[in-house]
């Protein structure tokens, strides 16, 4: 269900942060590029 939270984030004003993105990324190939094509300004940050 994590992927569902990406879509409202594209429409939201301001900044959207999604934690535990590893669960989303493992199920979608080239997700960053696909979201960028929709107009997202996306960056992946590894927080330890």
PDB file of N, CA and C in Angstrom:
ATOM      1  N   UNK A   1       0.804  -1.206   0.000  1.00  0.00           N
ATOM      2  CA  UNK A   1       0.000   0.000   0.000  1.00  0.00           C
ATOM      3  C   UNK A   1       0.844   1.265   0.000  1.00  0.00           C
ATOM      4  N   UNK A   2       2.141   1.177   0.217  1.00  0.00           N
ATOM      5  CA  UNK A   2       2.971   2.372   0.273  1.00  0.00           C
ATOM      6  C   UNK A   2       2.926   3.167  -1.024  1.00  0.00           C
ATOM      7  N   UNK A   3       2.809   2.474  -2.174  1.00  0.00           N
ATOM      8  CA  UNK A   3       2.812   3.158  -3.448  1.00  0.00           C
ATOM      9  C   UNK A   3       1.637   4.117  -3.571  1.00  0.00           C
ATOM     10  N   UNK A   4       0.565   3.867  -2.876  1.00  0.00           N
ATOM     11  CA  UNK A   4      -0.606   4.731  -2.923  1.00  0.00           C
ATOM     12  C   UNK A   4      -0.270   6.121  -2.400  1.00  0.00           C
ATOM     13  N   UNK A   5       0.646   6.229  -1.468  1.00  0.00           N
ATOM     14  CA  UNK A   5       0.982   7.523  -0.870  1.00  0.00           C
ATOM     15  C   UNK A   5       1.840   8.385  -1.782  1.00  0.00           C
ATOM     16  N   UNK A   6       2.449   7.817  -2.804  1.00  0.00           N
ATOM     17  CA  UNK A   6       3.240   8.610  -3.747  1.00  0.00           C
ATOM     18  C   UNK A   6       2.355   9.520  -4.586  1.00  0.00           C
ATOM     19  N   UNK A   7       1.212   9.048  -4.987  1.00  0.00           N
ATOM     20  CA  UNK A   7       0.349   9.816  -5.888  1.00  0.00           C
ATOM     21  C   UNK A   7      -0.178  11.103  -5.268  1.00  0.00           C
ATOM     22  N   UNK A   8      -0.723  11.092  -4.059  1.00  0.00           N
ATOM     23  CA  UNK A   8      -1.143  12.373  -3.469  1.00  0.00           C
ATOM     24  C   UNK A   8       0.035  13.325  -3.263  1.00  0.00           C
ATOM     25  N   UNK A   9       1.203  12.784  -3.027  1.00  0.00           N
ATOM     26  CA  UNK A   9       2.387  13.614  -2.852  1.00  0.00           C
ATOM     27  C   UNK A   9       2.743  14.393  -4.103  1.00  0.00           C
ATOM     28  N   UNK A  10       2.429  13.849  -5.262  1.00  0.00           N
ATOM     29  CA  UNK A  10       2.684  14.557  -6.514  1.00  0.00           C
ATOM     30  C   UNK A  10       1.790  15.781  -6.660  1.00  0.00           C
ATOM     31  N   UNK A  11       0.625  15.733  -6.085  1.00  0.00           N
ATOM     32  CA  UNK A  11      -0.336  16.828  -6.202  1.00  0.00           C
ATOM     33  C   UNK A  11      -0.236  17.824  -5.048  1.00  0.00           C
ATOM     34  N   UNK A  12       0.408  17.441  -3.979  1.00  0.00           N
ATOM     35  CA  UNK A  12       0.484  18.298  -2.790  1.00  0.00           C
ATOM     36  C   UNK A  12       1.403  19.490  -3.024  1.00  0.00           C
ATOM     37  N   UNK A  13       1.080  20.580  -2.363  1.00  0.00           N
ATOM     38  CA  UNK A  13       1.963  21.756  -2.390  1.00  0.00           C
ATOM     39  C   UNK A  13       3.040  21.552  -1.349  1.00  0.00           C
ATOM     40  N   UNK A  14       4.220  22.026  -1.662  1.00  0.00           N
ATOM     41  CA  UNK A  14       5.319  21.889  -0.723  1.00  0.00           C
ATOM     42  C   UNK A  14       6.068  20.586  -0.925  1.00  0.00           C
ATOM     43  N   UNK A  15       6.620  20.097   0.151  1.00  0.00           N
ATOM     44  CA  UNK A  15       7.500  18.932   0.114  1.00  0.00           C
ATOM     45  C   UNK A  15       6.793  17.719   0.703  1.00  0.00           C
ATOM     46  N   UNK A  16       6.929  16.586   0.031  1.00  0.00           N
ATOM     47  CA  UNK A  16       6.398  15.331   0.544  1.00  0.00           C
ATOM     48  C   UNK A  16       7.557  14.400   0.836  1.00  0.00           C
ATOM     49  N   UNK A  17       7.599  13.855   2.023  1.00  0.00           N
ATOM     50  CA  UNK A  17       8.636  12.905   2.397  1.00  0.00           C
ATOM     51  C   UNK A  17       7.990  11.549   2.642  1.00  0.00           C
ATOM     52  N   UNK A  18       8.605  10.527   2.073  1.00  0.00           N
ATOM     53  CA  UNK A  18       8.107   9.166   2.248  1.00  0.00           C
ATOM     54  C   UNK A  18       9.206   8.349   2.895  1.00  0.00           C
ATOM     55  N   UNK A  19       8.914   7.782   4.056  1.00  0.00           N
ATOM     56  CA  UNK A  19       9.897   6.946   4.729  1.00  0.00           C
ATOM     57  C   UNK A  19       9.703   5.496   4.307  1.00  0.00           C
ATOM     58  N   UNK A  20      10.726   4.694   4.546  1.00  0.00           N
ATOM     59  CA  UNK A  20      10.711   3.282   4.158  1.00  0.00           C
ATOM     60  C   UNK A  20      10.429   3.099   2.672  1.00  0.00           C
ATOM     61  N   UNK A  21      10.997   3.967   1.853  1.00  0.00           N
ATOM     62  CA  UNK A  21      10.795   3.902   0.402  1.00  0.00           C
ATOM     63  C   UNK A  21      11.343   2.616  -0.196  1.00  0.00           C
ATOM     64  N   UNK A  22      12.176   1.917   0.556  1.00  0.00           N
ATOM     65  CA  UNK A  22      12.734   0.664   0.027  1.00  0.00           C
ATOM     66  C   UNK A  22      11.636  -0.320  -0.339  1.00  0.00           C
ATOM     67  N   UNK A  23      10.523  -0.266   0.370  1.00  0.00           N
ATOM     68  CA  UNK A  23       9.415  -1.170   0.083  1.00  0.00           C
ATOM     69  C   UNK A  23       8.720  -0.794  -1.224  1.00  0.00           C
ATOM     70  N   UNK A  24       8.710   0.461  -1.533  1.00  0.00           N
ATOM     71  CA  UNK A  24       8.142   0.921  -2.800  1.00  0.00           C
ATOM     72  C   UNK A  24       9.106   0.626  -3.933  1.00  0.00           C
ATOM     73  N   UNK A  25      10.374   0.973  -3.738  1.00  0.00           N
ATOM     74  CA  UNK A  25      11.373   0.854  -4.797  1.00  0.00           C
ATOM     75  C   UNK A  25      11.614  -0.590  -5.232  1.00  0.00           C
ATOM     76  N   UNK A  26      11.485  -1.516  -4.324  1.00  0.00           N
ATOM     77  CA  UNK A  26      11.762  -2.907  -4.694  1.00  0.00           C
ATOM     78  C   UNK A  26      10.701  -3.482  -5.629  1.00  0.00           C
ATOM     79  N   UNK A  27       9.536  -2.880  -5.671  1.00  0.00           N
ATOM     80  CA  UNK A  27       8.465  -3.395  -6.502  1.00  0.00           C
ATOM     81  C   UNK A  27       8.276  -2.669  -7.827  1.00  0.00           C
ATOM     82  N   UNK A  28       9.028  -1.580  -8.035  1.00  0.00           N
ATOM     83  CA  UNK A  28       8.850  -0.774  -9.236  1.00  0.00           C
ATOM     84  C   UNK A  28      10.186  -0.447  -9.864  1.00  0.00           C
ATOM     85  N   UNK A  29      10.358  -0.821 -11.110  1.00  0.00           N
ATOM     86  CA  UNK A  29      11.597  -0.555 -11.823  1.00  0.00           C
ATOM     87  C   UNK A  29      11.604   0.889 -12.321  1.00  0.00           C
ATOM     88  N   UNK A  30      12.711   1.584 -12.105  1.00  0.00           N
ATOM     89  CA  UNK A  30      12.902   2.975 -12.565  1.00  0.00           C
ATOM     90  C   UNK A  30      11.824   3.927 -12.044  1.00  0.00           C
ATOM     91  N   UNK A  31      11.403   3.750 -10.821  1.00  0.00           N
ATOM     92  CA  UNK A  31      10.339   4.580 -10.267  1.00  0.00           C
ATOM     93  C   UNK A  31      10.727   6.059 -10.246  1.00  0.00           C
ATOM     94  N   UNK A  32      11.973   6.358  -9.914  1.00  0.00           N
ATOM     95  CA  UNK A  32      12.400   7.756  -9.868  1.00  0.00           C
ATOM     96  C   UNK A  32      12.226   8.430 -11.224  1.00  0.00           C
ATOM     97  N   UNK A  33      12.608   7.739 -12.291  1.00  0.00           N
ATOM     98  CA  UNK A  33      12.489   8.295 -13.634  1.00  0.00           C
ATOM     99  C   UNK A  33      11.023   8.453 -14.034  1.00  0.00           C
ATOM    100  N   UNK A  34      10.207   7.499 -13.664  1.00  0.00           N
ATOM    101  CA  UNK A  34       8.785   7.567 -14.008  1.00  0.00           C
ATOM    102  C   UNK A  34       8.103   8.726 -13.285  1.00  0.00           C
ATOM    103  N   UNK A  35       8.420   8.917 -12.008  1.00  0.00           N
ATOM    104  CA  UNK A  35       7.835  10.034 -11.267  1.00  0.00           C
ATOM    105  C   UNK A  35       8.361  11.365 -11.781  1.00  0.00           C
ATOM    106  N   UNK A  36       9.627  11.411 -12.160  1.00  0.00           N
ATOM    107  CA  UNK A  36      10.192  12.633 -12.736  1.00  0.00           C
ATOM    108  C   UNK A  36       9.489  12.994 -14.038  1.00  0.00           C
ATOM    109  N   UNK A  37       9.145  12.003 -14.824  1.00  0.00           N
ATOM    110  CA  UNK A  37       8.431  12.238 -16.083  1.00  0.00           C
ATOM    111  C   UNK A  37       7.053  12.841 -15.838  1.00  0.00           C
ATOM    112  N   UNK A  38       6.497  12.601 -14.657  1.00  0.00           N
ATOM    113  CA  UNK A  38       5.196  13.176 -14.292  1.00  0.00           C
ATOM    114  C   UNK A  38       5.344  14.567 -13.689  1.00  0.00           C
ATOM    115  N   UNK A  39       6.582  15.030 -13.538  1.00  0.00           N
ATOM    116  CA  UNK A  39       6.816  16.368 -13.000  1.00  0.00           C
ATOM    117  C   UNK A  39       7.346  16.395 -11.584  1.00  0.00           C
ATOM    118  N   UNK A  40       7.603  15.240 -11.008  1.00  0.00           N
ATOM    119  CA  UNK A  40       8.126  15.189  -9.636  1.00  0.00           C
ATOM    120  C   UNK A  40       9.585  15.621  -9.605  1.00  0.00           C
ATOM    121  N   UNK A  41       9.931  16.361  -8.586  1.00  0.00           N
ATOM    122  CA  UNK A  41      11.335  16.656  -8.297  1.00  0.00           C
ATOM    123  C   UNK A  41      11.687  15.714  -7.158  1.00  0.00           C
ATOM    124  N   UNK A  42      12.370  14.640  -7.499  1.00  0.00           N
ATOM    125  CA  UNK A  42      12.562  13.544  -6.557  1.00  0.00           C
ATOM    126  C   UNK A  42      14.040  13.338  -6.253  1.00  0.00           C
ATOM    127  N   UNK A  43      14.312  13.041  -5.008  1.00  0.00           N
ATOM    128  CA  UNK A  43      15.677  12.660  -4.618  1.00  0.00           C
ATOM    129  C   UNK A  43      15.558  11.571  -3.556  1.00  0.00           C
ATOM    130  N   UNK A  44      16.443  10.613  -3.665  1.00  0.00           N
ATOM    131  CA  UNK A  44      16.478   9.530  -2.694  1.00  0.00           C
ATOM    132  C   UNK A  44      17.601   9.810  -1.706  1.00  0.00           C
ATOM    133  N   UNK A  45      17.278   9.751  -0.447  1.00  0.00           N
ATOM    134  CA  UNK A  45      18.233  10.030   0.609  1.00  0.00           C
ATOM    135  C   UNK A  45      18.315   8.825   1.515  1.00  0.00           C
ATOM    136  N   UNK A  46      19.522   8.339   1.751  1.00  0.00           N
ATOM    137  CA  UNK A  46      19.713   7.213   2.640  1.00  0.00           C
ATOM    138  C   UNK A  46      19.982   7.762   4.042  1.00  0.00           C
ATOM    139  N   UNK A  47      19.052   7.549   4.935  1.00  0.00           N
ATOM    140  CA  UNK A  47      19.182   8.027   6.320  1.00  0.00           C
ATOM    141  C   UNK A  47      19.454   6.817   7.197  1.00  0.00           C
ATOM    142  N   UNK A  48      20.527   6.896   7.953  1.00  0.00           N
ATOM    143  CA  UNK A  48      20.878   5.787   8.845  1.00  0.00           C
ATOM    144  C   UNK A  48      20.768   6.192  10.277  1.00  0.00           C
TER     145      UNK A  48
END
